[in-house]
Every structure is written in C-alpha cells, then in structure tokens.
Amino acid sequence: MTNEAIKLAVITGGHSFNVPEFRHLFERLEGVKAYIQHLDDFATASKEIRESYDALLFYIMMMDGPSDDEPGFRGKPKTVLEQLGNSAQGIIVMHHGLLAYPDWSLWNDLVGIENRNLQSYEHDIGLNIKVVNPDHPITRGLSDWHMVDETYELQDPLPSVNTLLSVSAPKSMQTLAWTHSFKQSCVFCLQLGHDQRAWQNPHFQALLGNGIHWTCHP
C-alpha cells in the first residue's frame, strides 16, 4: 500500500440509494479518495480522465444494454465498458452491480458468474458472515461477524474464483465476496452493501477498504 490515496471512481446508476450515507461510507475509508458519479458522467468523460482513476467501483443496476445508441449526454457506455480490463486498473463490483446487464456476457465474465438471473431477494436479513479465507489481504484481521443486509438468490460464482466470505441463509447465494482476474485487472466482487445498515458496519467498512486497496496493490 502506498502513502498516496487511491483515486476511486464510484460509478452509479439504475438504482436509488441514500446519497449522504453513501458518501459518508467512502469518507470513512482510509487511503481512498472517492469520486462518486453516474455512469453517464463516466462514459462521457475523456479517456484521459477515465484512465486517471486507480480503481473503478461499480454500483450500477442498468438492466438493458449497454448500448452506444443513446442520447449524446449518455456517451458511449458500451464502448467504454468494453475497455475494462485493458489496463491494470482495479475493479470492484458491489451489491446490485452484480445484477447489471443480466444478458451481457462481458459482465458475466467480469463478475465470474455464468448465469446472473436473479431468482429472488429479501431485505433486512440477519446474516452470520463466515470468513472463508482469513489469510487473504482483503480479509486479514477480520473474524466472522453478524450484520443485516439484503440477500440475493443468485447463482454462485465459478469455482475458479477465490472465495473470501460465505453465508448459509435462505434465498441467498452462498458466496458473498470473492476475487478473480479479468484480462489485466484484479477484480473484487462483494454481494453485501445494500444500504446504510450495511455501510455503517465496521467489518463491512474494513472489508471494502481492503478490497479497494487490494485491486490496486494485490
């Protein structure tokens, strides 16, 4: 980990969220300078600006597309997203970001899940989180914990990923956090993080902060 703060683009869109609390989450993360922006802003930014970020965190839930046949203010999101992994830029996909573009094979490959058709979901579920790989830099120092969050009944990622967290709960995927590679990028995927009940949890904050740093300095 370097002394310079990680420049993180936090890319949103397609789902509402509590803006002040979401901003406070990233203000709490040590060594992270977050730039929260809609996908429209990221897709219309210059290549130089997009490449200036050390890491990209996707908190999007667009269900259609992506498409370049959009009004000009949306830029060319398909072309921009197709460039993911062409550099060593870190990538984090958080919570409903796993559900974005359910019919797009590139997003399947990015998150490491073959079939992302959501069967069901439940809000405000008490979860007993198990740390599967305590020696990984993202989970190092963390022990099992309890938190309240939204669950997804979704296919688990491929066996080739590195599983970090798991849970045993009805209507929930078993794997909650994992890492893998996508072209040249290190990718950290995290199912947790629906709202401030999760964001205010110190274990969640530590996990997310570690994950952001790991994608840049594995």
Foldseek 3Di string as FASTA:
>chain_A
DDPAAFEEEEEEEADDADVVLVVVLQVPQPRHDYDYDYLLVLQLDDPVVNVVGQAYEYPYAAADDDAQPDPPSSHGSVVVVVCPQVAARAYEYEANSLNHNQPDVLSCLQVQHRHFDWPDKDFFDKWFKQFPDCPDQLNPPHGTDIFTGMATQGEDGDPPWAATIATDDPRHYGGAWTWDHDNNWTYIYGNGDDHSRQSVDPSSSSNVSSSNVVRNPD
